[in-house]
Amino acid sequence: MSSSYLVVRDDLAADHVLDDSHYVAIHIRRDRAAGLFRYESSPHPLPVLAQHWLIQRGADAAAIAALASHCSVPANAETTALEHRIRSSGTGLSSDASYTRNRTWDPGWKPGEAWRGDEHLVHDWYTWVILDDDLAPPGSPVRVLFEDADYPAGTYTLTEGSFPDRESALEWTHDPRQPLPPAPAVMPAPARPAAATARTTGRPGPSLPDTAPAQPEKHTRGRAPGR
């Protein structure tokens, strides 16, 4: 029995469209003796949420964290720490709402003019995610993630905030460059059973028994040097 874990970028996903996720987590389990395999996939707006989904299904967390830096890399220690907490969370976090903006333009260019070069380009690349955790106690704050990519530098930052309710979080998304209200400390939570966190697409193959954790076979973070 063997497993493969992948995070791939969906380049057909549209920018500036609500809830159109740009990443897909894929888990493949193979029974080579029987010639059978089982396939699960799940769309996610951020690589770290796709990684979290795979870790809940047996992927090695340390191996995924090492492969995650192959393209763009965290710009600061706070981003690294937050991603580690998300990957190791046993609460089965998922996206309730999300939006990605990947806009690159030359603000000084005028129609009919020659190309002025990359040095004149402005890159406005970010993703916001309103998180869902159905194990959170009633009345818990609504948590929000904001990833801001620095395309020329090949780095990004990830920050977390919280709001008293979903309506307040959605109001913030109208101007996501404004600071996020700080999120409260996170208390450890028990791991959710895999069956409770499954969000799959496609038709599953023949049922196979669970397998021991395996190393990821491949991990793609997106467009180099950015995301």
C-alpha atoms as a PDB file:
ATOM      1  CA  MET A   1       0.000   0.000   0.000  1.00  0.00           C
ATOM      2  CA  SER A   2       1.388   3.417  -0.903  1.00  0.00           C
ATOM      3  CA  SER A   3       0.190   7.022  -0.921  1.00  0.00           C
ATOM      4  CA  SER A   4       1.005  10.158  -2.891  1.00  0.00           C
ATOM      5  CA  TYR A   5       0.214  13.694  -1.775  1.00  0.00           C
ATOM      6  CA  LEU A   6       0.175  16.653  -4.141  1.00  0.00           C
ATOM      7  CA  VAL A   7      -0.687  20.351  -4.096  1.00  0.00           C
ATOM      8  CA  VAL A   8      -1.149  21.703  -7.607  1.00  0.00           C
ATOM      9  CA  ARG A   9      -2.055  25.122  -8.926  1.00  0.00           C
ATOM     10  CA  ASP A  10      -5.162  25.405 -11.075  1.00  0.00           C
ATOM     11  CA  ASP A  11      -4.224  27.984 -13.707  1.00  0.00           C
ATOM     12  CA  LEU A  12      -7.771  27.847 -15.078  1.00  0.00           C
ATOM     13  CA  ALA A  13      -9.079  29.370 -11.842  1.00  0.00           C
ATOM     14  CA  ALA A  14     -10.226  32.937 -12.448  1.00  0.00           C
ATOM     15  CA  ASP A  15      -8.758  35.913 -10.621  1.00  0.00           C
ATOM     16  CA  HIS A  16     -11.140  38.399  -9.008  1.00  0.00           C
ATOM     17  CA  VAL A  17     -13.901  35.767  -8.666  1.00  0.00           C
ATOM     18  CA  LEU A  18     -15.246  35.004  -5.201  1.00  0.00           C
ATOM     19  CA  ASP A  19     -14.501  31.463  -3.960  1.00  0.00           C
ATOM     20  CA  ASP A  20     -12.650  30.376  -7.130  1.00  0.00           C
ATOM     21  CA  SER A  21      -9.776  28.506  -5.455  1.00  0.00           C
ATOM     22  CA  HIS A  22      -6.383  28.434  -7.174  1.00  0.00           C
ATOM     23  CA  TYR A  23      -4.972  25.300  -5.520  1.00  0.00           C
ATOM     24  CA  VAL A  24      -6.058  21.669  -5.418  1.00  0.00           C
ATOM     25  CA  ALA A  25      -4.926  19.104  -2.836  1.00  0.00           C
ATOM     26  CA  ILE A  26      -4.781  15.544  -4.171  1.00  0.00           C
ATOM     27  CA  HIS A  27      -4.445  12.303  -2.195  1.00  0.00           C
ATOM     28  CA  ILE A  28      -3.909   9.040  -4.068  1.00  0.00           C
ATOM     29  CA  ARG A  29      -3.787   5.661  -2.307  1.00  0.00           C
ATOM     30  CA  ARG A  30      -2.644   2.594  -4.256  1.00  0.00           C
ATOM     31  CA  ASP A  31      -3.072  -1.103  -3.606  1.00  0.00           C
ATOM     32  CA  ARG A  32      -0.507  -2.362  -6.079  1.00  0.00           C
ATOM     33  CA  ALA A  33      -1.202  -6.022  -5.334  1.00  0.00           C
ATOM     34  CA  ALA A  34      -4.890  -5.636  -6.179  1.00  0.00           C
ATOM     35  CA  GLY A  35      -4.311  -3.104  -8.962  1.00  0.00           C
ATOM     36  CA  LEU A  36      -6.641  -0.594  -7.307  1.00  0.00           C
ATOM     37  CA  PHE A  37      -6.347   3.040  -6.264  1.00  0.00           C
ATOM     38  CA  ARG A  38      -8.448   5.602  -4.424  1.00  0.00           C
ATOM     39  CA  TYR A  39      -8.412   9.294  -5.398  1.00  0.00           C
ATOM     40  CA  GLU A  40      -9.539  12.303  -3.360  1.00  0.00           C
ATOM     41  CA  SER A  41      -9.187  15.974  -4.193  1.00  0.00           C
ATOM     42  CA  SER A  42     -10.184  19.227  -2.553  1.00  0.00           C
ATOM     43  CA  PRO A  43      -9.885  22.864  -3.777  1.00  0.00           C
ATOM     44  CA  HIS A  44      -8.282  25.478  -1.509  1.00  0.00           C
ATOM     45  CA  PRO A  45      -7.554  29.217  -1.818  1.00  0.00           C
ATOM     46  CA  LEU A  46      -4.112  28.985  -0.138  1.00  0.00           C
ATOM     47  CA  PRO A  47      -1.350  26.361  -0.330  1.00  0.00           C
ATOM     48  CA  VAL A  48      -1.151  26.088   3.462  1.00  0.00           C
ATOM     49  CA  LEU A  49      -4.835  25.095   3.682  1.00  0.00           C
ATOM     50  CA  ALA A  50      -4.270  22.453   1.004  1.00  0.00           C
ATOM     51  CA  GLN A  51      -1.269  21.185   2.985  1.00  0.00           C
ATOM     52  CA  HIS A  52      -3.399  21.043   6.148  1.00  0.00           C
ATOM     53  CA  TRP A  53      -6.004  18.935   4.313  1.00  0.00           C
ATOM     54  CA  LEU A  54      -3.315  16.479   3.183  1.00  0.00           C
ATOM     55  CA  ILE A  55      -1.747  16.236   6.642  1.00  0.00           C
ATOM     56  CA  GLN A  56      -5.164  15.246   8.000  1.00  0.00           C
ATOM     57  CA  ARG A  57      -4.974  12.348   5.544  1.00  0.00           C
ATOM     58  CA  GLY A  58      -1.557  11.086   6.554  1.00  0.00           C
ATOM     59  CA  ALA A  59       0.946  13.288   4.726  1.00  0.00           C
ATOM     60  CA  ASP A  60       4.186  13.933   6.601  1.00  0.00           C
ATOM     61  CA  ALA A  61       3.983  17.482   8.009  1.00  0.00           C
ATOM     62  CA  ALA A  62       7.751  18.051   8.078  1.00  0.00           C
ATOM     63  CA  ALA A  63       8.164  16.939   4.472  1.00  0.00           C
ATOM     64  CA  ILE A  64       5.338  19.196   3.303  1.00  0.00           C
ATOM     65  CA  ALA A  65       6.798  22.183   5.153  1.00  0.00           C
ATOM     66  CA  ALA A  66      10.199  21.579   3.510  1.00  0.00           C
ATOM     67  CA  LEU A  67       8.721  21.351   0.014  1.00  0.00           C
ATOM     68  CA  ALA A  68       6.524  24.413   0.553  1.00  0.00           C
ATOM     69  CA  SER A  69       9.489  26.783   0.068  1.00  0.00           C
ATOM     70  CA  HIS A  70      10.428  25.648  -3.453  1.00  0.00           C
ATOM     71  CA  CYS A  71       9.009  28.778  -5.107  1.00  0.00           C
ATOM     72  CA  SER A  72       7.949  31.828  -3.117  1.00  0.00           C
ATOM     73  CA  VAL A  73       8.998  31.861   0.536  1.00  0.00           C
ATOM     74  CA  PRO A  74       7.670  33.456   3.751  1.00  0.00           C
ATOM     75  CA  ALA A  75       8.925  36.998   4.208  1.00  0.00           C
ATOM     76  CA  ASN A  76       9.089  36.888   8.015  1.00  0.00           C
ATOM     77  CA  ALA A  77       9.078  34.626  11.048  1.00  0.00           C
ATOM     78  CA  GLU A  78       5.460  35.485  11.864  1.00  0.00           C
ATOM     79  CA  THR A  79       4.314  34.030   8.545  1.00  0.00           C
ATOM     80  CA  THR A  80       6.340  30.865   9.110  1.00  0.00           C
ATOM     81  CA  ALA A  81       4.899  30.431  12.606  1.00  0.00           C
ATOM     82  CA  LEU A  82       1.310  30.976  11.452  1.00  0.00           C
ATOM     83  CA  GLU A  83       1.672  28.472   8.617  1.00  0.00           C
ATOM     84  CA  HIS A  84       3.118  25.921  11.025  1.00  0.00           C
ATOM     85  CA  ARG A  85       0.133  26.389  13.335  1.00  0.00           C
ATOM     86  CA  ILE A  86      -2.323  25.963  10.473  1.00  0.00           C
ATOM     87  CA  ARG A  87      -0.591  22.820   9.201  1.00  0.00           C
ATOM     88  CA  SER A  88      -0.521  21.262  12.664  1.00  0.00           C
ATOM     89  CA  SER A  89      -4.094  22.242  13.552  1.00  0.00           C
ATOM     90  CA  GLY A  90      -6.303  19.253  14.144  1.00  0.00           C
ATOM     91  CA  THR A  91      -9.553  21.174  13.817  1.00  0.00           C
ATOM     92  CA  GLY A  92     -10.081  20.616  10.097  1.00  0.00           C
ATOM     93  CA  LEU A  93      -9.989  24.253   9.026  1.00  0.00           C
ATOM     94  CA  SER A  94     -11.591  25.057   5.676  1.00  0.00           C
ATOM     95  CA  SER A  95     -12.515  28.094   3.633  1.00  0.00           C
ATOM     96  CA  ASP A  96     -15.924  29.664   4.147  1.00  0.00           C
ATOM     97  CA  ALA A  97     -15.278  32.447   1.618  1.00  0.00           C
ATOM     98  CA  SER A  98     -12.208  33.591  -0.310  1.00  0.00           C
ATOM     99  CA  TYR A  99     -10.976  35.954  -3.001  1.00  0.00           C
ATOM    100  CA  THR A 100      -7.715  36.197  -4.966  1.00  0.00           C
ATOM    101  CA  ARG A 101      -6.463  39.288  -6.776  1.00  0.00           C
ATOM    102  CA  ASN A 102      -3.456  38.895  -9.100  1.00  0.00           C
ATOM    103  CA  ARG A 103      -3.166  42.206 -10.933  1.00  0.00           C
ATOM    104  CA  THR A 104      -0.039  43.484 -12.679  1.00  0.00           C
ATOM    105  CA  TRP A 105      -0.030  46.737 -14.638  1.00  0.00           C
ATOM    106  CA  ASP A 106       2.028  49.769 -15.653  1.00  0.00           C
ATOM    107  CA  PRO A 107       0.195  52.800 -14.241  1.00  0.00           C
ATOM    108  CA  GLY A 108       2.113  55.219 -16.505  1.00  0.00           C
ATOM    109  CA  TRP A 109       1.585  53.378 -19.782  1.00  0.00           C
ATOM    110  CA  LYS A 110      -0.686  54.943 -22.398  1.00  0.00           C
ATOM    111  CA  PRO A 111      -2.264  53.218 -25.412  1.00  0.00           C
ATOM    112  CA  GLY A 112      -0.007  53.390 -28.439  1.00  0.00           C
ATOM    113  CA  GLU A 113       3.187  53.717 -26.393  1.00  0.00           C
ATOM    114  CA  ALA A 114       6.016  51.182 -26.539  1.00  0.00           C
ATOM    115  CA  TRP A 115       6.531  48.712 -23.693  1.00  0.00           C
ATOM    116  CA  ARG A 116       8.393  50.521 -20.903  1.00  0.00           C
ATOM    117  CA  GLY A 117       9.898  47.472 -19.175  1.00  0.00           C
ATOM    118  CA  ASP A 118       9.267  45.388 -16.067  1.00  0.00           C
ATOM    119  CA  GLU A 119      10.705  48.039 -13.762  1.00  0.00           C
ATOM    120  CA  HIS A 120       7.575  50.163 -14.310  1.00  0.00           C
ATOM    121  CA  LEU A 121       5.147  47.400 -13.375  1.00  0.00           C
ATOM    122  CA  VAL A 122       3.042  47.419 -10.216  1.00  0.00           C
ATOM    123  CA  HIS A 123       2.001  44.055  -8.752  1.00  0.00           C
ATOM    124  CA  ASP A 124      -1.071  43.824  -6.538  1.00  0.00           C
ATOM    125  CA  TRP A 125      -1.325  40.156  -5.548  1.00  0.00           C
ATOM    126  CA  TYR A 126      -3.252  39.052  -2.475  1.00  0.00           C
ATOM    127  CA  THR A 127      -5.732  36.490  -1.160  1.00  0.00           C
ATOM    128  CA  TRP A 128      -8.130  36.773   1.738  1.00  0.00           C
ATOM    129  CA  VAL A 129      -9.885  33.797   3.340  1.00  0.00           C
ATOM    130  CA  ILE A 130     -12.698  33.684   5.891  1.00  0.00           C
ATOM    131  CA  LEU A 131     -12.116  30.447   7.779  1.00  0.00           C
ATOM    132  CA  ASP A 132     -14.705  27.901   8.804  1.00  0.00           C
ATOM    133  CA  ASP A 133     -14.305  25.603  11.809  1.00  0.00           C
ATOM    134  CA  ASP A 134     -17.476  23.738  12.682  1.00  0.00           C
ATOM    135  CA  LEU A 135     -15.887  22.422  15.898  1.00  0.00           C
ATOM    136  CA  ALA A 136     -15.488  25.930  17.317  1.00  0.00           C
ATOM    137  CA  PRO A 137     -17.791  26.699  20.258  1.00  0.00           C
ATOM    138  CA  PRO A 138     -20.853  28.867  19.517  1.00  0.00           C
ATOM    139  CA  GLY A 139     -19.995  32.557  19.601  1.00  0.00           C
ATOM    140  CA  SER A 140     -16.327  32.039  18.705  1.00  0.00           C
ATOM    141  CA  PRO A 141     -14.685  34.829  16.676  1.00  0.00           C
ATOM    142  CA  VAL A 142     -14.616  34.469  12.907  1.00  0.00           C
ATOM    143  CA  ARG A 143     -11.000  34.111  11.786  1.00  0.00           C
ATOM    144  CA  VAL A 144      -9.609  35.635   8.617  1.00  0.00           C
ATOM    145  CA  LEU A 145      -6.334  35.032   6.743  1.00  0.00           C
ATOM    146  CA  PHE A 146      -4.685  37.577   4.459  1.00  0.00           C
ATOM    147  CA  GLU A 147      -1.795  36.616   2.184  1.00  0.00           C
ATOM    148  CA  ASP A 148       0.105  39.470   0.517  1.00  0.00           C
ATOM    149  CA  ALA A 149       2.548  38.428  -2.210  1.00  0.00           C
ATOM    150  CA  ASP A 150       5.631  40.427  -3.188  1.00  0.00           C
ATOM    151  CA  TYR A 151       6.021  39.134  -6.736  1.00  0.00           C
ATOM    152  CA  PRO A 152       9.404  40.750  -7.606  1.00  0.00           C
ATOM    153  CA  ALA A 153      10.970  39.526  -4.348  1.00  0.00           C
ATOM    154  CA  GLY A 154       9.432  36.036  -4.550  1.00  0.00           C
ATOM    155  CA  THR A 155       8.132  36.329  -0.955  1.00  0.00           C
ATOM    156  CA  TYR A 156       4.804  36.660   0.810  1.00  0.00           C
ATOM    157  CA  THR A 157       3.359  37.448   4.225  1.00  0.00           C
ATOM    158  CA  LEU A 158       0.421  35.721   5.901  1.00  0.00           C
ATOM    159  CA  THR A 159      -1.483  37.407   8.705  1.00  0.00           C
ATOM    160  CA  GLU A 160      -4.487  36.382  10.779  1.00  0.00           C
ATOM    161  CA  GLY A 161      -7.264  38.450  12.286  1.00  0.00           C
ATOM    162  CA  SER A 162     -10.685  37.914  13.805  1.00  0.00           C
ATOM    163  CA  PHE A 163     -14.123  39.482  13.832  1.00  0.00           C
ATOM    164  CA  PRO A 164     -17.152  39.006  16.087  1.00  0.00           C
ATOM    165  CA  ASP A 165     -19.267  37.644  13.206  1.00  0.00           C
ATOM    166  CA  ARG A 166     -19.181  36.770   9.524  1.00  0.00           C
ATOM    167  CA  GLU A 167     -20.896  40.005   8.496  1.00  0.00           C
ATOM    168  CA  SER A 168     -18.099  42.075  10.078  1.00  0.00           C
ATOM    169  CA  ALA A 169     -15.489  39.935   8.332  1.00  0.00           C
ATOM    170  CA  LEU A 170     -17.183  40.422   4.959  1.00  0.00           C
ATOM    171  CA  GLU A 171     -17.331  44.169   5.548  1.00  0.00           C
ATOM    172  CA  TRP A 172     -13.536  44.195   6.051  1.00  0.00           C
ATOM    173  CA  THR A 173     -13.028  42.421   2.700  1.00  0.00           C
ATOM    174  CA  HIS A 174     -14.293  45.532   0.876  1.00  0.00           C
ATOM    175  CA  ASP A 175     -10.927  47.116   1.735  1.00  0.00           C
ATOM    176  CA  PRO A 176      -8.589  44.245   2.684  1.00  0.00           C
ATOM    177  CA  ARG A 177      -5.483  46.436   2.771  1.00  0.00           C
ATOM    178  CA  GLN A 178      -6.676  47.887   6.058  1.00  0.00           C
ATOM    179  CA  PRO A 179      -5.178  46.258   9.189  1.00  0.00           C
ATOM    180  CA  LEU A 180      -6.804  43.104  10.505  1.00  0.00           C
ATOM    181  CA  PRO A 181      -8.091  43.111  14.102  1.00  0.00           C
ATOM    182  CA  PRO A 182      -5.763  40.808  16.071  1.00  0.00           C
ATOM    183  CA  ALA A 183      -6.854  37.211  16.534  1.00  0.00           C
ATOM    184  CA  PRO A 184      -7.130  35.754  20.055  1.00  0.00           C
ATOM    185  CA  ALA A 185      -4.806  33.016  21.202  1.00  0.00           C
ATOM    186  CA  VAL A 186      -5.699  29.581  19.880  1.00  0.00           C
ATOM    187  CA  MET A 187      -6.352  26.813  22.367  1.00  0.00           C
ATOM    188  CA  PRO A 188      -5.273  23.277  21.434  1.00  0.00           C
ATOM    189  CA  ALA A 189      -8.116  21.228  19.972  1.00  0.00           C
ATOM    190  CA  PRO A 190      -8.515  17.483  19.490  1.00  0.00           C
ATOM    191  CA  ALA A 191      -7.952  16.125  16.006  1.00  0.00           C
ATOM    192  CA  ARG A 192     -11.024  15.550  13.900  1.00  0.00           C
ATOM    193  CA  PRO A 193     -11.614  12.132  12.381  1.00  0.00           C
ATOM    194  CA  ALA A 194     -10.667  12.115   8.700  1.00  0.00           C
ATOM    195  CA  ALA A 195     -14.207  11.164   7.709  1.00  0.00           C
ATOM    196  CA  ALA A 196     -15.551  14.296   9.351  1.00  0.00           C
ATOM    197  CA  THR A 197     -13.191  16.588   7.441  1.00  0.00           C
ATOM    198  CA  ALA A 198     -13.464  15.005   4.009  1.00  0.00           C
ATOM    199  CA  ARG A 199     -14.456  17.356   1.214  1.00  0.00           C
ATOM    200  CA  THR A 200     -13.833  15.453  -2.002  1.00  0.00           C
ATOM    201  CA  THR A 201     -14.492  15.955  -5.664  1.00  0.00           C
ATOM    202  CA  GLY A 202     -14.968  13.308  -8.299  1.00  0.00           C
ATOM    203  CA  ARG A 203     -16.014   9.719  -7.706  1.00  0.00           C
ATOM    204  CA  PRO A 204     -13.952   7.718  -5.165  1.00  0.00           C
ATOM    205  CA  GLY A 205     -12.465   4.436  -6.278  1.00  0.00           C
ATOM    206  CA  PRO A 206     -12.736   1.089  -4.457  1.00  0.00           C
ATOM    207  CA  SER A 207     -12.511   1.442  -0.674  1.00  0.00           C
ATOM    208  CA  LEU A 208      -9.050   0.788   0.721  1.00  0.00           C
ATOM    209  CA  PRO A 209      -7.842   0.598   4.332  1.00  0.00           C
ATOM    210  CA  ASP A 210      -6.000   3.537   5.860  1.00  0.00           C
ATOM    211  CA  THR A 211      -2.251   3.569   5.348  1.00  0.00           C
ATOM    212  CA  ALA A 212       0.698   4.805   7.334  1.00  0.00           C
ATOM    213  CA  PRO A 213       1.964   8.365   6.667  1.00  0.00           C
ATOM    214  CA  ALA A 214       4.017   8.670   3.509  1.00  0.00           C
ATOM    215  CA  GLN A 215       6.286  11.300   2.036  1.00  0.00           C
ATOM    216  CA  PRO A 216       4.709  13.682  -0.500  1.00  0.00           C
ATOM    217  CA  GLU A 217       5.562  12.737  -4.074  1.00  0.00           C
ATOM    218  CA  LYS A 218       5.313  16.220  -5.496  1.00  0.00           C
ATOM    219  CA  HIS A 219       4.372  19.717  -4.402  1.00  0.00           C
ATOM    220  CA  THR A 220       3.828  22.729  -6.632  1.00  0.00           C
ATOM    221  CA  ARG A 221       3.518  26.186  -5.077  1.00  0.00           C
ATOM    222  CA  GLY A 222       2.518  28.097  -8.192  1.00  0.00           C
ATOM    223  CA  ARG A 223       4.116  30.635 -10.447  1.00  0.00           C
ATOM    224  CA  ALA A 224       7.766  31.301  -9.709  1.00  0.00           C
ATOM    225  CA  PRO A 225       8.976  33.591  -8.304  1.00  0.00           C
ATOM    226  CA  GLY A 226       5.562  34.622  -7.011  1.00  0.00           C
ATOM    227  CA  ARG A 227       2.493  32.588  -6.132  1.00  0.00           C
END
